[in-house]
Structure formats: C-alpha cells, structure tokens
C-alpha atoms as a PDB file:
ATOM      1  CA  MET A   1     -26.077   9.834  79.286  1.00  0.00           C
ATOM      2  CA  CYS A   2     -28.476   8.377  81.875  1.00  0.00           C
ATOM      3  CA  MET A   3     -26.554   6.509  84.581  1.00  0.00           C
ATOM      4  CA  LEU A   4     -29.529   4.748  86.155  1.00  0.00           C
ATOM      5  CA  GLY A   5     -28.927   1.458  84.378  1.00  0.00           C
ATOM      6  CA  HIS A   6     -32.276   1.518  82.574  1.00  0.00           C
ATOM      7  CA  HIS A   7     -33.926   4.041  80.299  1.00  0.00           C
ATOM      8  CA  PRO A   8     -36.523   5.974  82.325  1.00  0.00           C
ATOM      9  CA  SER A   9     -39.273   4.700  80.033  1.00  0.00           C
ATOM     10  CA  HIS A  10     -38.678   1.190  81.456  1.00  0.00           C
ATOM     11  CA  PHE A  11     -40.143   2.206  84.810  1.00  0.00           C
ATOM     12  CA  ALA A  12     -43.822   1.460  85.224  1.00  0.00           C
ATOM     13  CA  ALA A  13     -46.105   3.802  87.153  1.00  0.00           C
ATOM     14  CA  SER A  14     -49.781   4.404  87.638  1.00  0.00           C
ATOM     15  CA  ASN A  15     -49.624   8.174  87.205  1.00  0.00           C
ATOM     16  CA  SER A  16     -46.207   9.791  86.997  1.00  0.00           C
ATOM     17  CA  VAL A  17     -42.720   8.803  87.998  1.00  0.00           C
ATOM     18  CA  LYS A  18     -39.951  11.092  89.229  1.00  0.00           C
ATOM     19  CA  ILE A  19     -36.564   9.402  89.101  1.00  0.00           C
ATOM     20  CA  SER A  20     -33.597  11.065  90.785  1.00  0.00           C
ATOM     21  CA  ALA A  21     -29.930  10.158  90.845  1.00  0.00           C
ATOM     22  CA  SER A  22     -26.911  11.967  92.222  1.00  0.00           C
ATOM     23  CA  ARG A  23     -25.987  13.400  88.817  1.00  0.00           C
ATOM     24  CA  TYR A  24     -29.116  13.099  86.696  1.00  0.00           C
ATOM     25  CA  ARG A  25     -32.724  13.895  87.438  1.00  0.00           C
ATOM     26  CA  TRP A  26     -35.561  12.878  85.185  1.00  0.00           C
ATOM     27  CA  THR A  27     -39.301  13.372  85.233  1.00  0.00           C
ATOM     28  CA  ALA A  28     -41.398  10.920  83.257  1.00  0.00           C
ATOM     29  CA  HIS A  29     -45.018  11.672  82.454  1.00  0.00           C
ATOM     30  CA  ARG A  30     -47.544   9.229  81.087  1.00  0.00           C
ATOM     31  CA  ARG A  31     -48.755  10.456  77.732  1.00  0.00           C
ATOM     32  CA  ARG A  32     -50.938   7.850  76.106  1.00  0.00           C
ATOM     33  CA  ARG A  33     -51.750   4.142  75.830  1.00  0.00           C
ATOM     34  CA  ARG A  34     -50.755   2.302  72.708  1.00  0.00           C
ATOM     35  CA  TYR A  35     -52.481  -0.945  71.944  1.00  0.00           C
ATOM     36  CA  GLN A  36     -50.723  -3.790  70.148  1.00  0.00           C
ATOM     37  CA  GLY A  37     -53.136  -6.689  70.025  1.00  0.00           C
ATOM     38  CA  ALA A  38     -54.179  -7.464  73.578  1.00  0.00           C
ATOM     39  CA  VAL A  39     -51.133  -5.758  75.120  1.00  0.00           C
ATOM     40  CA  SER A  40     -51.189  -2.133  76.213  1.00  0.00           C
ATOM     41  CA  HIS A  41     -48.012  -0.146  76.771  1.00  0.00           C
ATOM     42  CA  LEU A  42     -47.438   3.024  78.692  1.00  0.00           C
ATOM     43  CA  VAL A  43     -45.422   5.508  76.663  1.00  0.00           C
ATOM     44  CA  TYR A  44     -43.514   8.163  78.554  1.00  0.00           C
ATOM     45  CA  ASP A  45     -42.098  11.532  77.622  1.00  0.00           C
ATOM     46  CA  VAL A  46     -38.877  12.039  79.534  1.00  0.00           C
ATOM     47  CA  HIS A  47     -37.960  15.570  80.642  1.00  0.00           C
ATOM     48  CA  VAL A  48     -34.841  16.781  82.371  1.00  0.00           C
ATOM     49  CA  ASP A  49     -35.573  18.584  85.636  1.00  0.00           C
ATOM     50  CA  LEU A  50     -34.214  21.914  84.366  1.00  0.00           C
ATOM     51  CA  LEU A  51     -34.922  23.856  87.534  1.00  0.00           C
ATOM     52  CA  TYR A  52     -32.748  21.469  89.538  1.00  0.00           C
ATOM     53  CA  PHE A  53     -29.754  22.144  87.319  1.00  0.00           C
ATOM     54  CA  LEU A  54     -30.481  25.869  87.198  1.00  0.00           C
ATOM     55  CA  ASP A  55     -30.630  26.085  90.996  1.00  0.00           C
ATOM     56  CA  ARG A  56     -27.467  24.005  91.315  1.00  0.00           C
ATOM     57  CA  ARG A  57     -25.498  26.343  89.066  1.00  0.00           C
ATOM     58  CA  LEU A  58     -26.841  29.443  90.830  1.00  0.00           C
ATOM     59  CA  GLU A  59     -25.912  27.887  94.155  1.00  0.00           C
ATOM     60  CA  PHE A  60     -22.362  27.309  92.919  1.00  0.00           C
ATOM     61  CA  ILE A  61     -22.042  30.892  91.672  1.00  0.00           C
ATOM     62  CA  ARG A  62     -22.982  32.177  95.128  1.00  0.00           C
ATOM     63  CA  TYR A  63     -20.531  29.750  96.733  1.00  0.00           C
ATOM     64  CA  PHE A  64     -17.686  30.710  94.387  1.00  0.00           C
ATOM     65  CA  TYR A  65     -18.195  34.447  94.845  1.00  0.00           C
ATOM     66  CA  GLY A  66     -18.702  34.206  98.590  1.00  0.00           C
ATOM     67  CA  SER A  67     -15.619  32.028  99.066  1.00  0.00           C
ATOM     68  CA  THR A  68     -13.184  34.141  97.054  1.00  0.00           C
ATOM     69  CA  THR A  69     -13.981  37.846  97.334  1.00  0.00           C
ATOM     70  CA  PRO A  70     -13.612  38.010 101.151  1.00  0.00           C
ATOM     71  CA  VAL A  71      -9.947  37.066 100.707  1.00  0.00           C
ATOM     72  CA  PHE A  72      -9.306  40.196  98.632  1.00  0.00           C
ATOM     73  CA  ALA A  73     -11.495  42.361 100.858  1.00  0.00           C
ATOM     74  CA  GLU A  74      -9.382  41.324 103.842  1.00  0.00           C
ATOM     75  CA  ILE A  75      -6.162  42.284 102.059  1.00  0.00           C
ATOM     76  CA  LYS A  76      -7.574  45.746 101.350  1.00  0.00           C
ATOM     77  CA  ARG A  77      -8.787  46.097 104.944  1.00  0.00           C
ATOM     78  CA  LYS A  78      -5.362  45.217 106.341  1.00  0.00           C
ATOM     79  CA  ILE A  79      -3.670  47.722 104.026  1.00  0.00           C
ATOM     80  CA  ASP A  80      -6.123  50.464 104.993  1.00  0.00           C
ATOM     81  CA  ALA A  81      -5.649  49.655 108.691  1.00  0.00           C
ATOM     82  CA  GLY A  82      -1.871  49.341 108.445  1.00  0.00           C
ATOM     83  CA  GLU A  83      -1.900  45.820 109.863  1.00  0.00           C
ATOM     84  CA  GLU A  84       0.832  43.249 109.317  1.00  0.00           C
ATOM     85  CA  PRO A  85       2.226  42.540 106.848  1.00  0.00           C
ATOM     86  CA  TYR A  86       1.173  45.927 105.468  1.00  0.00           C
ATOM     87  CA  GLN A  87       2.785  48.375 107.880  1.00  0.00           C
ATOM     88  CA  ASP A  88       4.272  51.472 106.326  1.00  0.00           C
ATOM     89  CA  HIS A  89       7.855  52.045 107.499  1.00  0.00           C
ATOM     90  CA  ARG A  90       8.785  54.609 104.870  1.00  0.00           C
ATOM     91  CA  ASP A  91      10.178  58.024 105.644  1.00  0.00           C
ATOM     92  CA  PRO A  92       7.164  60.410 105.329  1.00  0.00           C
ATOM     93  CA  GLU A  93       9.425  63.008 103.743  1.00  0.00           C
ATOM     94  CA  TYR A  94       9.877  60.822 100.687  1.00  0.00           C
ATOM     95  CA  VAL A  95       6.339  59.447 100.362  1.00  0.00           C
ATOM     96  CA  ASP A  96       4.538  60.374  97.161  1.00  0.00           C
ATOM     97  CA  GLU A  97       1.781  57.732  97.088  1.00  0.00           C
ATOM     98  CA  PRO A  98      -0.178  55.590  99.567  1.00  0.00           C
ATOM     99  CA  ALA A  99       1.627  52.590 101.010  1.00  0.00           C
ATOM    100  CA  PHE A 100       1.069  49.260  99.284  1.00  0.00           C
ATOM    101  CA  LEU A 101      -0.916  50.914  96.509  1.00  0.00           C
ATOM    102  CA  LYS A 102      -0.147  48.166  94.003  1.00  0.00           C
ATOM    103  CA  GLU A 103      -1.140  45.421  96.461  1.00  0.00           C
ATOM    104  CA  TRP A 104      -4.397  47.247  97.232  1.00  0.00           C
ATOM    105  CA  GLU A 105      -5.221  47.713  93.540  1.00  0.00           C
ATOM    106  CA  ASP A 106      -4.347  44.086  92.745  1.00  0.00           C
ATOM    107  CA  ALA A 107      -6.759  42.866  95.432  1.00  0.00           C
ATOM    108  CA  ASP A 108      -9.438  45.274  94.223  1.00  0.00           C
ATOM    109  CA  ILE A 109      -9.079  44.214  90.590  1.00  0.00           C
ATOM    110  CA  ALA A 110      -9.015  40.539  91.565  1.00  0.00           C
ATOM    111  CA  ALA A 111     -12.390  40.929  93.289  1.00  0.00           C
ATOM    112  CA  HIS A 112     -13.759  42.630  90.172  1.00  0.00           C
ATOM    113  CA  LEU A 113     -12.527  39.756  88.007  1.00  0.00           C
ATOM    114  CA  VAL A 114     -14.189  37.203  90.261  1.00  0.00           C
ATOM    115  CA  GLY A 115     -17.411  39.154  89.844  1.00  0.00           C
ATOM    116  CA  ALA A 116     -16.910  39.258  86.077  1.00  0.00           C
ATOM    117  CA  HIS A 117     -16.550  35.507  85.851  1.00  0.00           C
ATOM    118  CA  CYS A 118     -19.585  35.004  88.078  1.00  0.00           C
ATOM    119  CA  LEU A 119     -21.574  37.211  85.711  1.00  0.00           C
ATOM    120  CA  ALA A 120     -20.275  35.189  82.768  1.00  0.00           C
ATOM    121  CA  ILE A 121     -21.345  31.913  84.379  1.00  0.00           C
ATOM    122  CA  LEU A 122     -24.709  33.455  85.242  1.00  0.00           C
ATOM    123  CA  GLN A 123     -25.243  34.658  81.683  1.00  0.00           C
ATOM    124  CA  VAL A 124     -24.437  31.329  80.020  1.00  0.00           C
ATOM    125  CA  THR A 125     -26.531  29.541  82.650  1.00  0.00           C
ATOM    126  CA  LEU A 126     -29.553  31.690  81.867  1.00  0.00           C
ATOM    127  CA  GLN A 127     -29.121  31.231  78.126  1.00  0.00           C
ATOM    128  CA  ALA A 128     -28.599  27.476  78.440  1.00  0.00           C
ATOM    129  CA  PHE A 129     -31.674  27.156  80.668  1.00  0.00           C
ATOM    130  CA  LEU A 130     -33.872  29.065  78.223  1.00  0.00           C
ATOM    131  CA  THR A 131     -32.503  27.105  75.269  1.00  0.00           C
ATOM    132  CA  GLU A 132     -33.214  23.765  76.917  1.00  0.00           C
ATOM    133  CA  TYR A 133     -36.679  24.934  77.952  1.00  0.00           C
ATOM    134  CA  VAL A 134     -37.517  25.826  74.362  1.00  0.00           C
ATOM    135  CA  LYS A 135     -36.443  22.334  73.296  1.00  0.00           C
ATOM    136  CA  GLU A 136     -38.400  20.722  76.125  1.00  0.00           C
ATOM    137  CA  ILE A 137     -41.696  22.318  75.050  1.00  0.00           C
ATOM    138  CA  GLY A 138     -41.229  21.163  71.462  1.00  0.00           C
ATOM    139  CA  CYS A 139     -40.182  24.491  69.940  1.00  0.00           C
ATOM    140  CA  LYS A 140     -36.595  23.644  68.995  1.00  0.00           C
ATOM    141  CA  HIS A 141     -37.223  24.900  65.460  1.00  0.00           C
ATOM    142  CA  LEU A 142     -37.621  28.449  66.800  1.00  0.00           C
ATOM    143  CA  LEU A 143     -33.957  28.530  67.809  1.00  0.00           C
ATOM    144  CA  SER A 144     -32.799  28.174  64.216  1.00  0.00           C
ATOM    145  CA  GLU A 145     -35.117  31.000  63.198  1.00  0.00           C
ATOM    146  CA  LEU A 146     -33.491  33.552  65.507  1.00  0.00           C
ATOM    147  CA  PRO A 147     -31.677  36.443  63.790  1.00  0.00           C
ATOM    148  CA  LYS A 148     -27.916  35.993  63.557  1.00  0.00           C
ATOM    149  CA  LYS A 149     -27.109  39.492  64.809  1.00  0.00           C
ATOM    150  CA  GLY A 150     -28.154  41.366  67.904  1.00  0.00           C
ATOM    151  CA  SER A 151     -28.390  40.714  71.621  1.00  0.00           C
ATOM    152  CA  TRP A 152     -29.236  37.105  72.407  1.00  0.00           C
ATOM    153  CA  PHE A 153     -31.176  38.332  75.449  1.00  0.00           C
ATOM    154  CA  GLU A 154     -33.456  40.569  73.408  1.00  0.00           C
ATOM    155  CA  LYS A 155     -33.874  37.907  70.713  1.00  0.00           C
ATOM    156  CA  TYR A 156     -34.918  35.325  73.293  1.00  0.00           C
ATOM    157  CA  ARG A 157     -37.273  37.745  75.014  1.00  0.00           C
ATOM    158  CA  GLU A 158     -38.978  38.518  71.702  1.00  0.00           C
ATOM    159  CA  MET A 159     -39.157  34.823  70.800  1.00  0.00           C
ATOM    160  CA  PHE A 160     -40.802  33.934  74.106  1.00  0.00           C
ATOM    161  CA  LEU A 161     -43.233  36.833  73.832  1.00  0.00           C
ATOM    162  CA  HIS A 162     -44.315  36.573  70.198  1.00  0.00           C
ATOM    163  CA  LYS A 163     -43.681  32.917  69.304  1.00  0.00           C
ATOM    164  CA  ILE A 164     -44.297  31.044  72.548  1.00  0.00           C
ATOM    165  CA  GLY A 165     -46.679  33.449  74.240  1.00  0.00           C
ATOM    166  CA  ILE A 166     -44.735  33.966  77.467  1.00  0.00           C
ATOM    167  CA  ASP A 167     -44.182  37.532  78.661  1.00  0.00           C
ATOM    168  CA  TRP A 168     -41.175  37.590  80.970  1.00  0.00           C
ATOM    169  CA  ARG A 169     -42.385  40.803  82.586  1.00  0.00           C
ATOM    170  CA  ALA A 170     -45.508  39.045  83.801  1.00  0.00           C
ATOM    171  CA  SER A 171     -43.290  36.854  85.990  1.00  0.00           C
ATOM    172  CA  GLY A 172     -42.307  39.800  88.160  1.00  0.00           C
ATOM    173  CA  ALA A 173     -38.621  39.299  87.349  1.00  0.00           C
ATOM    174  CA  ASP A 174     -36.427  42.376  87.033  1.00  0.00           C
ATOM    175  CA  ILE A 175     -35.884  42.223  83.258  1.00  0.00           C
ATOM    176  CA  GLU A 176     -33.720  45.344  83.225  1.00  0.00           C
ATOM    177  CA  LEU A 177     -31.373  43.834  85.815  1.00  0.00           C
ATOM    178  CA  LEU A 178     -31.089  40.603  83.831  1.00  0.00           C
ATOM    179  CA  GLU A 179     -30.242  42.567  80.714  1.00  0.00           C
ATOM    180  CA  GLN A 180     -27.600  44.497  82.654  1.00  0.00           C
ATOM    181  CA  VAL A 181     -26.028  41.186  83.666  1.00  0.00           C
ATOM    182  CA  ASN A 182     -25.623  40.406  79.977  1.00  0.00           C
ATOM    183  CA  LEU A 183     -24.326  43.870  79.050  1.00  0.00           C
ATOM    184  CA  THR A 184     -21.896  44.033  81.988  1.00  0.00           C
ATOM    185  CA  ARG A 185     -20.510  40.619  81.165  1.00  0.00           C
ATOM    186  CA  ASN A 186     -19.933  41.823  77.616  1.00  0.00           C
ATOM    187  CA  ASP A 187     -18.110  44.900  78.925  1.00  0.00           C
ATOM    188  CA  PHE A 188     -15.699  42.745  80.910  1.00  0.00           C
ATOM    189  CA  PHE A 189     -14.845  40.472  78.010  1.00  0.00           C
ATOM    190  CA  HIS A 190     -15.262  42.681  74.939  1.00  0.00           C
ATOM    191  CA  ASN A 191     -14.649  46.277  76.059  1.00  0.00           C
ATOM    192  CA  VAL A 192     -11.042  45.808  77.117  1.00  0.00           C
ATOM    193  CA  ASP A 193      -8.668  48.760  77.429  1.00  0.00           C
ATOM    194  CA  ILE A 194      -5.016  47.681  77.436  1.00  0.00           C
ATOM    195  CA  MET A 195      -4.129  50.818  79.429  1.00  0.00           C
ATOM    196  CA  THR A 196      -6.037  49.715  82.533  1.00  0.00           C
ATOM    197  CA  LEU A 197      -7.063  46.556  84.352  1.00  0.00           C
ATOM    198  CA  TYR A 198     -10.420  48.079  85.245  1.00  0.00           C
ATOM    199  CA  THR A 199     -13.496  47.788  83.031  1.00  0.00           C
ATOM    200  CA  TYR A 200     -15.895  50.487  81.892  1.00  0.00           C
ATOM    201  CA  GLN A 201     -19.275  50.504  80.176  1.00  0.00           C
ATOM    202  CA  ASP A 202     -19.249  50.524  76.405  1.00  0.00           C
ATOM    203  CA  PRO A 203     -21.249  53.358  74.746  1.00  0.00           C
ATOM    204  CA  ARG A 204     -24.306  51.180  74.080  1.00  0.00           C
ATOM    205  CA  HIS A 205     -24.492  50.004  77.693  1.00  0.00           C
ATOM    206  CA  ALA A 206     -23.894  53.517  79.051  1.00  0.00           C
ATOM    207  CA  GLU A 207     -26.603  54.997  76.854  1.00  0.00           C
ATOM    208  CA  LYS A 208     -29.241  52.442  77.834  1.00  0.00           C
ATOM    209  CA  TYR A 209     -28.326  52.133  81.521  1.00  0.00           C
ATOM    210  CA  PRO A 210     -26.319  55.174  82.642  1.00  0.00           C
ATOM    211  CA  ASP A 211     -27.058  54.235  86.265  1.00  0.00           C
ATOM    212  CA  THR A 212     -26.195  50.571  85.873  1.00  0.00           C
ATOM    213  CA  ALA A 213     -26.626  48.306  88.866  1.00  0.00           C
ATOM    214  CA  PHE A 214     -23.024  47.181  88.458  1.00  0.00           C
ATOM    215  CA  ALA A 215     -21.380  50.601  88.675  1.00  0.00           C
ATOM    216  CA  ASP A 216     -18.461  50.959  91.061  1.00  0.00           C
ATOM    217  CA  PRO A 217     -19.879  53.061  93.957  1.00  0.00           C
ATOM    218  CA  ARG A 218     -16.503  54.787  94.414  1.00  0.00           C
ATOM    219  CA  VAL A 219     -16.651  56.112  90.860  1.00  0.00           C
ATOM    220  CA  GLU A 220     -20.290  57.143  91.299  1.00  0.00           C
ATOM    221  CA  SER A 221     -19.408  59.125  94.436  1.00  0.00           C
ATOM    222  CA  VAL A 222     -16.745  61.061  92.522  1.00  0.00           C
ATOM    223  CA  ILE A 223     -19.099  61.802  89.626  1.00  0.00           C
END
C-alpha cells in the first residue's frame, strides 16, 4: 500500500521520523535496539497518521455540503420571491396551491438528502477512525469481543471506557450530539415511509432525544 518506494522501516533516524507523501502519511517511532553480533538495528513501529485522514474526510464533508445545498436554497429563494424562471402567471381565481410547489419541495428534499449523506459519511468516518485507533494501540482483539447487537456507538463508548480506560466525556466533546448524528443517519436510511420523501425520527430516537439537534425548525415552530 505504501507508495514511497521503500518500507518506512528502511529510513534511519536518530529519534523519530515522520514521512509524508501526497496520499500516504506515516509516523515511525524508534522502539528498541536489537543486537545481532556486533551489528545493532533500529526497529520501528509504523503508525498511520489517523488524524490527517480524519481531518481530510471532515474537510471534504464540509466542502460537499457547502457546495451543493446553496444551489437548492437559491431555487427556493427564487420561488418565494417570484423571480425568473419562477413567476406565477396563473389566474388567481383558479389557484388552489402555491406556485411551483413541487419545484420548491423537490429543492427542499434535495437539500435534506445532501445532509443525510453527509451524516452517513460522518458516521462511517467516526467509526472507521475509532476502529483504526483501537488497532493502532494494540487492542484489535477487543473489536471481536463486541456484542453483535445494539448501537455501535454505545458499544464503542463502553469499550473505550471499560476496556481501554478512555472516557469520551472527559474530552469535552458533545457525546449526545455525536450519538444524534448516528441516530439521525439511521432514520434517513432505515426509517423510510413510502408515502413521503421526508424523514422522521423513529420511536427510539424520539424517546431519547425529543428535541434532537437535527429537527426541522419549520416543524418545531408548528408544534
């Protein structure tokens, strides 16, 4: 997989070596000296720079969302403002619904779907990062010990807390928000109602987070 031409362990260094390429980043740390006769060898543990890849994926999610949703927001704005090509020339006597309602709803739903896919990418990115971290610290065996059923997020949180000794809450991260990312993603892909293109919380999500961070503010204002 490494495209540097040589395995990172072939690089000599006095302390530590950080080797970067356009597609792969490696960090090599000196671990011990091994003596074979009169020759000593430096042995390196090679670790992928996980934070680099995490940041890169998060950066892309922001780029993707920020580059697509304004297109749909502009369509809705033009419809609301009656700008071309969304000018209403109908006879008011025979109007029974807002002009360009379907076009407005299509743009609105499209923006929601972009958000759903961004949440999906974010969720798998978080899970992949945590999985690779567990492998990096030598605890790969813990992954096979995880229960088969239940929320992966809760299972990982418990594993880090009780098996690895890392309390996510001590980091200052908003754990509830991260869990809502996972639950909202699940709503979009598993709580599908064929009668509508919109998505709603499933009962489990609604019970745990009735005021979810991902609620549509227009629905909240009506409620």
